[in-house]
Amino acid sequence: MVHLFEPVGVFLMYVVPGTIAAGCLLMLLRFERRMSAFETHFSGAKDSLKSQAEELAKKLSGIYEAPPTSATAEPRPAAQPASVALNATTRSKVLKMHRLGGTPEQIATALNTPKGEVMLLLKVHQIVMQAIEQPRSGLETAGAEEKV
């Protein structure tokens, strides 16, 4: 007796997987063709970028080797920052040199610091020291009054 489902079983067992495998193979071949086209396109772009990079490197090396100079240009003095913050070491050196009798000009020259910064530091130090000494003198007079 012939079963009605036997041809369907053969179809499902052999034909469908074969069709799927053939479709996958076809897709793989198309993918490989597209990839080779991309490689060809981008290898040309890569060569173009390499040549442009080499040209730029040559231009840069020319700039670094011989910078343009003008015959009328005067040498500029070294630029100093607009505001030079003094660190703790420099501040202590300024105060020590001032205690030893140095003028603000001498201190500024010796420490390579702007004269205005030195003068400002000395002025602030003087104000702070006066503020510290005034309460002390007030305490000393108050202590003397209590003893009387």
N, C-alpha and C. Protein backbone atom coordinates (compact mmCIF):
# COMPACT_ATOMS: atom_id res chain seq x y z
N MET A 1 0.82 -1.15 0.00
CA MET A 1 0.00 0.00 0.00
C MET A 1 0.89 1.25 0.00
N VAL A 2 0.49 2.22 -0.74
CA VAL A 2 1.26 3.44 -0.91
C VAL A 2 0.72 4.50 0.05
N HIS A 3 1.62 5.05 0.77
CA HIS A 3 1.23 6.09 1.72
C HIS A 3 1.21 7.45 1.03
N LEU A 4 0.26 8.25 1.37
CA LEU A 4 0.12 9.57 0.77
C LEU A 4 1.17 10.55 1.31
N PHE A 5 1.65 10.30 2.47
CA PHE A 5 2.60 11.23 3.10
C PHE A 5 4.04 10.94 2.74
N GLU A 6 4.29 9.83 2.02
CA GLU A 6 5.65 9.47 1.68
C GLU A 6 6.29 10.49 0.72
N PRO A 7 5.63 10.98 -0.34
CA PRO A 7 6.26 12.00 -1.20
C PRO A 7 6.48 13.31 -0.46
N VAL A 8 5.61 13.64 0.45
CA VAL A 8 5.78 14.87 1.23
C VAL A 8 6.99 14.73 2.14
N GLY A 9 7.19 13.57 2.71
CA GLY A 9 8.34 13.32 3.57
C GLY A 9 9.63 13.41 2.79
N VAL A 10 9.68 12.86 1.59
CA VAL A 10 10.87 12.93 0.75
C VAL A 10 11.14 14.40 0.40
N PHE A 11 10.08 15.12 0.06
CA PHE A 11 10.22 16.54 -0.29
C PHE A 11 10.81 17.32 0.89
N LEU A 12 10.25 17.09 2.08
CA LEU A 12 10.71 17.81 3.26
C LEU A 12 12.12 17.39 3.66
N MET A 13 12.48 16.16 3.39
CA MET A 13 13.75 15.63 3.84
C MET A 13 14.91 15.99 2.91
N TYR A 14 14.65 16.09 1.59
CA TYR A 14 15.75 16.28 0.66
C TYR A 14 15.66 17.59 -0.15
N VAL A 15 14.50 17.91 -0.63
CA VAL A 15 14.36 19.05 -1.53
C VAL A 15 14.48 20.38 -0.78
N VAL A 16 13.81 20.54 0.32
CA VAL A 16 13.84 21.80 1.07
C VAL A 16 15.25 22.10 1.57
N PRO A 17 15.95 21.17 2.23
CA PRO A 17 17.31 21.49 2.66
C PRO A 17 18.23 21.78 1.49
N GLY A 18 18.08 21.07 0.38
CA GLY A 18 18.91 21.32 -0.81
C GLY A 18 18.67 22.72 -1.35
N THR A 19 17.42 23.15 -1.38
CA THR A 19 17.09 24.49 -1.87
C THR A 19 17.69 25.56 -0.94
N ILE A 20 17.60 25.33 0.34
CA ILE A 20 18.16 26.27 1.32
C ILE A 20 19.68 26.34 1.15
N ALA A 21 20.35 25.20 0.98
CA ALA A 21 21.80 25.17 0.80
C ALA A 21 22.19 25.90 -0.48
N ALA A 22 21.44 25.69 -1.56
CA ALA A 22 21.75 26.36 -2.82
C ALA A 22 21.57 27.88 -2.67
N GLY A 23 20.55 28.32 -1.96
CA GLY A 23 20.32 29.75 -1.73
C GLY A 23 21.45 30.37 -0.92
N CYS A 24 21.88 29.63 0.09
CA CYS A 24 22.99 30.13 0.92
C CYS A 24 24.27 30.23 0.09
N LEU A 25 24.55 29.24 -0.77
CA LEU A 25 25.73 29.27 -1.61
C LEU A 25 25.67 30.46 -2.57
N LEU A 26 24.51 30.70 -3.15
CA LEU A 26 24.33 31.84 -4.05
C LEU A 26 24.58 33.16 -3.31
N MET A 27 24.05 33.30 -2.10
CA MET A 27 24.26 34.52 -1.31
C MET A 27 25.74 34.70 -0.96
N LEU A 28 26.42 33.60 -0.67
CA LEU A 28 27.84 33.67 -0.34
C LEU A 28 28.65 34.16 -1.53
N LEU A 29 28.35 33.67 -2.71
CA LEU A 29 29.07 34.09 -3.91
C LEU A 29 28.84 35.58 -4.20
N ARG A 30 27.60 36.03 -4.05
CA ARG A 30 27.30 37.45 -4.25
C ARG A 30 28.05 38.32 -3.22
N PHE A 31 28.10 37.84 -1.99
CA PHE A 31 28.81 38.57 -0.93
C PHE A 31 30.30 38.69 -1.26
N GLU A 32 30.90 37.60 -1.74
CA GLU A 32 32.32 37.62 -2.09
C GLU A 32 32.58 38.61 -3.23
N ARG A 33 31.69 38.65 -4.24
CA ARG A 33 31.85 39.59 -5.34
C ARG A 33 31.79 41.04 -4.84
N ARG A 34 30.84 41.30 -3.97
CA ARG A 34 30.71 42.66 -3.42
C ARG A 34 31.94 43.04 -2.59
N MET A 35 32.43 42.11 -1.80
CA MET A 35 33.61 42.38 -0.98
C MET A 35 34.83 42.67 -1.85
N SER A 36 35.00 41.94 -2.95
CA SER A 36 36.14 42.22 -3.83
C SER A 36 35.99 43.59 -4.49
N ALA A 37 34.76 43.99 -4.80
CA ALA A 37 34.53 45.34 -5.36
C ALA A 37 34.88 46.40 -4.33
N PHE A 38 34.49 46.20 -3.08
CA PHE A 38 34.83 47.15 -2.02
C PHE A 38 36.34 47.23 -1.82
N GLU A 39 37.01 46.08 -1.83
CA GLU A 39 38.46 46.07 -1.65
C GLU A 39 39.15 46.84 -2.76
N THR A 40 38.69 46.67 -4.00
CA THR A 40 39.27 47.38 -5.12
C THR A 40 39.06 48.88 -4.96
N HIS A 41 37.87 49.27 -4.60
CA HIS A 41 37.55 50.70 -4.42
C HIS A 41 38.38 51.31 -3.30
N PHE A 42 38.45 50.64 -2.15
CA PHE A 42 39.14 51.22 -1.01
C PHE A 42 40.65 51.12 -1.12
N SER A 43 41.18 50.18 -1.87
CA SER A 43 42.63 50.15 -2.04
C SER A 43 43.08 51.35 -2.86
N GLY A 44 42.27 51.78 -3.83
CA GLY A 44 42.57 52.99 -4.59
C GLY A 44 42.53 54.21 -3.69
N ALA A 45 41.54 54.29 -2.84
CA ALA A 45 41.43 55.40 -1.90
C ALA A 45 42.59 55.38 -0.92
N LYS A 46 43.00 54.20 -0.51
CA LYS A 46 44.13 54.07 0.43
C LYS A 46 45.41 54.60 -0.21
N ASP A 47 45.65 54.24 -1.46
CA ASP A 47 46.84 54.73 -2.15
C ASP A 47 46.81 56.25 -2.29
N SER A 48 45.64 56.79 -2.58
CA SER A 48 45.48 58.24 -2.71
C SER A 48 45.79 58.93 -1.38
N LEU A 49 45.28 58.40 -0.29
CA LEU A 49 45.53 58.97 1.03
C LEU A 49 47.01 58.88 1.41
N LYS A 50 47.65 57.78 1.03
CA LYS A 50 49.08 57.64 1.33
C LYS A 50 49.88 58.71 0.61
N SER A 51 49.56 58.94 -0.66
CA SER A 51 50.32 59.95 -1.42
C SER A 51 50.07 61.34 -0.84
N GLN A 52 48.84 61.63 -0.44
CA GLN A 52 48.54 62.93 0.17
C GLN A 52 49.29 63.09 1.50
N ALA A 53 49.35 62.02 2.29
CA ALA A 53 50.07 62.09 3.57
C ALA A 53 51.56 62.32 3.34
N GLU A 54 52.13 61.69 2.32
CA GLU A 54 53.54 61.89 2.03
C GLU A 54 53.81 63.33 1.59
N GLU A 55 52.92 63.90 0.78
CA GLU A 55 53.07 65.29 0.36
C GLU A 55 53.02 66.23 1.56
N LEU A 56 52.08 66.00 2.46
CA LEU A 56 51.98 66.84 3.65
C LEU A 56 53.21 66.70 4.54
N ALA A 57 53.74 65.49 4.64
CA ALA A 57 54.94 65.28 5.45
C ALA A 57 56.12 66.04 4.86
N LYS A 58 56.23 66.06 3.54
CA LYS A 58 57.31 66.82 2.90
C LYS A 58 57.16 68.30 3.17
N LYS A 59 55.93 68.80 3.08
CA LYS A 59 55.69 70.22 3.34
C LYS A 59 56.05 70.57 4.78
N LEU A 60 55.65 69.72 5.71
CA LEU A 60 55.95 69.98 7.13
C LEU A 60 57.45 69.94 7.39
N SER A 61 58.15 68.99 6.80
CA SER A 61 59.59 68.93 7.03
C SER A 61 60.27 70.17 6.47
N GLY A 62 59.75 70.70 5.36
CA GLY A 62 60.30 71.94 4.81
C GLY A 62 60.05 73.11 5.74
N ILE A 63 58.92 73.13 6.38
CA ILE A 63 58.60 74.21 7.32
C ILE A 63 59.51 74.15 8.54
N TYR A 64 59.74 72.96 9.07
CA TYR A 64 60.56 72.82 10.27
C TYR A 64 62.03 73.08 9.98
N GLU A 65 62.49 72.76 8.78
CA GLU A 65 63.90 72.94 8.48
C GLU A 65 64.27 74.40 8.29
N ALA A 66 63.46 75.15 7.59
CA ALA A 66 63.79 76.54 7.31
C ALA A 66 62.55 77.41 7.48
N PRO A 67 62.32 77.91 8.68
CA PRO A 67 61.16 78.77 8.87
C PRO A 67 61.37 80.10 8.13
N PRO A 68 60.32 80.67 7.60
CA PRO A 68 60.47 81.93 6.88
C PRO A 68 60.85 83.06 7.84
N THR A 69 61.81 83.87 7.41
CA THR A 69 62.24 85.01 8.21
C THR A 69 62.20 86.25 7.34
N SER A 70 61.92 87.35 7.95
CA SER A 70 61.93 88.60 7.20
C SER A 70 63.16 89.38 7.58
N ALA A 71 63.70 90.13 6.64
CA ALA A 71 64.94 90.87 6.88
C ALA A 71 64.71 92.02 7.84
N THR A 72 63.49 92.55 7.90
CA THR A 72 63.22 93.70 8.76
C THR A 72 62.75 93.31 10.15
N ALA A 73 62.53 92.04 10.38
CA ALA A 73 62.00 91.61 11.68
C ALA A 73 63.07 91.75 12.75
N GLU A 74 62.68 92.34 13.85
CA GLU A 74 63.58 92.49 14.99
C GLU A 74 63.36 91.32 15.94
N PRO A 75 64.40 90.87 16.60
CA PRO A 75 64.20 89.79 17.57
C PRO A 75 63.30 90.28 18.70
N ARG A 76 62.32 89.47 19.01
CA ARG A 76 61.38 89.84 20.07
C ARG A 76 61.89 89.36 21.41
N PRO A 77 61.65 90.14 22.45
CA PRO A 77 62.05 89.66 23.79
C PRO A 77 61.16 88.49 24.18
N ALA A 78 61.69 87.70 25.08
CA ALA A 78 60.92 86.54 25.54
C ALA A 78 59.63 87.03 26.19
N ALA A 79 58.54 86.42 25.78
CA ALA A 79 57.24 86.83 26.31
C ALA A 79 57.07 86.31 27.73
N GLN A 80 56.59 87.18 28.59
CA GLN A 80 56.30 86.77 29.95
C GLN A 80 54.81 86.70 30.12
N PRO A 81 54.34 85.73 30.87
CA PRO A 81 52.90 85.65 31.09
C PRO A 81 52.38 86.89 31.79
N ALA A 82 51.11 87.20 31.52
CA ALA A 82 50.51 88.41 32.09
C ALA A 82 50.50 88.35 33.61
N SER A 83 50.22 87.20 34.17
CA SER A 83 50.16 87.08 35.62
C SER A 83 50.97 85.87 36.04
N VAL A 84 52.04 86.11 36.77
CA VAL A 84 52.87 85.02 37.24
C VAL A 84 52.55 84.79 38.70
N ALA A 85 52.02 83.66 39.00
CA ALA A 85 51.70 83.35 40.39
C ALA A 85 52.97 82.87 41.09
N LEU A 86 53.23 83.42 42.24
CA LEU A 86 54.42 83.03 42.99
C LEU A 86 54.09 81.82 43.85
N ASN A 87 54.94 80.81 43.76
CA ASN A 87 54.72 79.65 44.61
C ASN A 87 55.32 79.91 45.99
N ALA A 88 55.12 78.99 46.89
CA ALA A 88 55.53 79.18 48.28
C ALA A 88 57.04 79.36 48.41
N THR A 89 57.80 78.63 47.62
CA THR A 89 59.25 78.73 47.69
C THR A 89 59.71 80.12 47.25
N THR A 90 59.16 80.60 46.16
CA THR A 90 59.55 81.93 45.68
C THR A 90 59.13 83.00 46.67
N ARG A 91 57.95 82.86 47.26
CA ARG A 91 57.51 83.84 48.26
C ARG A 91 58.48 83.88 49.43
N SER A 92 58.88 82.71 49.90
CA SER A 92 59.79 82.69 51.05
C SER A 92 61.15 83.28 50.68
N LYS A 93 61.61 83.06 49.44
CA LYS A 93 62.88 83.65 49.01
C LYS A 93 62.78 85.17 48.94
N VAL A 94 61.63 85.66 48.42
CA VAL A 94 61.42 87.12 48.35
C VAL A 94 61.48 87.72 49.74
N LEU A 95 60.76 87.13 50.69
CA LEU A 95 60.74 87.67 52.06
C LEU A 95 62.11 87.61 52.72
N LYS A 96 62.83 86.53 52.49
CA LYS A 96 64.16 86.40 53.09
C LYS A 96 65.12 87.44 52.51
N MET A 97 65.08 87.61 51.19
CA MET A 97 65.95 88.60 50.57
C MET A 97 65.61 90.01 51.03
N HIS A 98 64.32 90.27 51.27
CA HIS A 98 63.90 91.58 51.77
C HIS A 98 64.40 91.80 53.20
N ARG A 99 64.32 90.75 54.03
CA ARG A 99 64.83 90.86 55.40
C ARG A 99 66.34 91.11 55.40
N LEU A 100 67.04 90.57 54.39
CA LEU A 100 68.49 90.76 54.30
C LEU A 100 68.85 92.10 53.67
N GLY A 101 67.83 92.90 53.29
CA GLY A 101 68.10 94.25 52.81
C GLY A 101 68.01 94.43 51.31
N GLY A 102 67.51 93.48 50.59
CA GLY A 102 67.41 93.61 49.14
C GLY A 102 66.26 94.52 48.73
N THR A 103 66.47 95.27 47.68
CA THR A 103 65.41 96.13 47.16
C THR A 103 64.49 95.31 46.27
N PRO A 104 63.27 95.76 46.04
CA PRO A 104 62.37 95.01 45.16
C PRO A 104 62.95 94.79 43.75
N GLU A 105 63.70 95.77 43.24
CA GLU A 105 64.31 95.61 41.92
C GLU A 105 65.35 94.49 41.92
N GLN A 106 66.19 94.47 42.96
CA GLN A 106 67.22 93.43 43.06
C GLN A 106 66.58 92.05 43.21
N ILE A 107 65.54 91.98 44.04
CA ILE A 107 64.87 90.70 44.27
C ILE A 107 64.22 90.20 42.99
N ALA A 108 63.54 91.10 42.28
CA ALA A 108 62.86 90.71 41.04
C ALA A 108 63.85 90.22 40.01
N THR A 109 64.98 90.90 39.90
CA THR A 109 66.00 90.48 38.94
C THR A 109 66.60 89.14 39.33
N ALA A 110 66.90 88.96 40.59
CA ALA A 110 67.55 87.73 41.05
C ALA A 110 66.63 86.51 40.89
N LEU A 111 65.35 86.70 41.14
CA LEU A 111 64.42 85.57 41.09
C LEU A 111 63.68 85.47 39.76
N ASN A 112 64.00 86.38 38.82
CA ASN A 112 63.34 86.38 37.51
C ASN A 112 61.82 86.46 37.68
N THR A 113 61.41 87.39 38.50
CA THR A 113 60.01 87.60 38.84
C THR A 113 59.65 89.05 38.55
N PRO A 114 58.45 89.32 38.09
CA PRO A 114 58.08 90.72 37.83
C PRO A 114 58.18 91.58 39.10
N LYS A 115 58.66 92.80 38.91
CA LYS A 115 58.86 93.71 40.03
C LYS A 115 57.55 94.00 40.75
N GLY A 116 56.47 94.13 39.98
CA GLY A 116 55.15 94.39 40.58
C GLY A 116 54.71 93.28 41.51
N GLU A 117 55.00 92.03 41.13
CA GLU A 117 54.65 90.89 41.99
C GLU A 117 55.43 90.94 43.30
N VAL A 118 56.72 91.29 43.20
CA VAL A 118 57.55 91.37 44.41
C VAL A 118 57.03 92.47 45.32
N MET A 119 56.75 93.63 44.75
CA MET A 119 56.25 94.76 45.55
C MET A 119 54.91 94.43 46.18
N LEU A 120 54.03 93.76 45.42
CA LEU A 120 52.73 93.37 45.97
C LEU A 120 52.90 92.39 47.13
N LEU A 121 53.76 91.43 46.96
CA LEU A 121 53.99 90.45 48.03
C LEU A 121 54.52 91.13 49.29
N LEU A 122 55.46 92.05 49.13
CA LEU A 122 56.02 92.74 50.30
C LEU A 122 54.96 93.61 50.98
N LYS A 123 54.11 94.26 50.20
CA LYS A 123 53.05 95.10 50.76
C LYS A 123 52.04 94.24 51.54
N VAL A 124 51.63 93.12 50.94
CA VAL A 124 50.67 92.23 51.63
C VAL A 124 51.30 91.68 52.90
N HIS A 125 52.57 91.31 52.83
CA HIS A 125 53.25 90.79 54.02
C HIS A 125 53.30 91.85 55.12
N GLN A 126 53.58 93.08 54.75
CA GLN A 126 53.61 94.18 55.72
C GLN A 126 52.25 94.37 56.37
N ILE A 127 51.17 94.34 55.59
CA ILE A 127 49.81 94.51 56.13
C ILE A 127 49.46 93.37 57.07
N VAL A 128 49.79 92.16 56.69
CA VAL A 128 49.48 91.00 57.53
C VAL A 128 50.26 91.07 58.84
N MET A 129 51.52 91.43 58.75
CA MET A 129 52.33 91.51 59.97
C MET A 129 51.81 92.61 60.90
N GLN A 130 51.35 93.72 60.36
CA GLN A 130 50.78 94.78 61.19
C GLN A 130 49.52 94.30 61.88
N ALA A 131 48.69 93.54 61.16
CA ALA A 131 47.45 93.04 61.74
C ALA A 131 47.74 92.04 62.86
N ILE A 132 48.82 91.28 62.71
CA ILE A 132 49.18 90.31 63.74
C ILE A 132 49.75 91.02 64.97
N GLU A 133 50.57 92.03 64.77
CA GLU A 133 51.23 92.72 65.88
C GLU A 133 50.27 93.63 66.66
N GLN A 134 49.26 94.19 66.03
CA GLN A 134 48.35 95.09 66.73
C GLN A 134 47.57 94.38 67.83
N PRO A 135 46.96 93.21 67.59
CA PRO A 135 46.27 92.56 68.70
C PRO A 135 47.21 92.16 69.82
N ARG A 136 48.45 91.80 69.45
CA ARG A 136 49.42 91.43 70.50
C ARG A 136 49.72 92.63 71.39
N SER A 137 49.91 93.77 70.78
CA SER A 137 50.23 94.95 71.60
C SER A 137 49.02 95.31 72.46
N GLY A 138 47.82 95.08 71.95
CA GLY A 138 46.62 95.32 72.74
C GLY A 138 46.53 94.37 73.91
N LEU A 139 46.92 93.11 73.72
CA LEU A 139 46.91 92.13 74.79
C LEU A 139 47.97 92.46 75.84
N GLU A 140 49.12 92.93 75.39
CA GLU A 140 50.20 93.25 76.34
C GLU A 140 49.79 94.42 77.23
N THR A 141 49.13 95.43 76.66
CA THR A 141 48.71 96.57 77.47
C THR A 141 47.57 96.16 78.41
N ALA A 142 46.72 95.26 77.95
CA ALA A 142 45.63 94.80 78.82
C ALA A 142 46.19 93.98 79.96
N GLY A 143 47.20 93.20 79.71
CA GLY A 143 47.83 92.40 80.76
C GLY A 143 48.54 93.27 81.77
N ALA A 144 49.13 94.38 81.32
CA ALA A 144 49.82 95.31 82.20
C ALA A 144 48.81 96.05 83.06
N GLU A 145 47.64 96.38 82.54
CA GLU A 145 46.61 97.06 83.31
C GLU A 145 46.06 96.17 84.41
N GLU A 146 45.94 94.84 84.13
CA GLU A 146 45.40 93.93 85.12
C GLU A 146 46.34 93.79 86.30
N LYS A 147 47.65 93.88 86.03
CA LYS A 147 48.62 93.73 87.10
C LYS A 147 48.61 94.94 88.04
N VAL A 148 48.19 96.05 87.55
CA VAL A 148 48.21 97.28 88.36
C VAL A 148 47.09 97.30 89.34
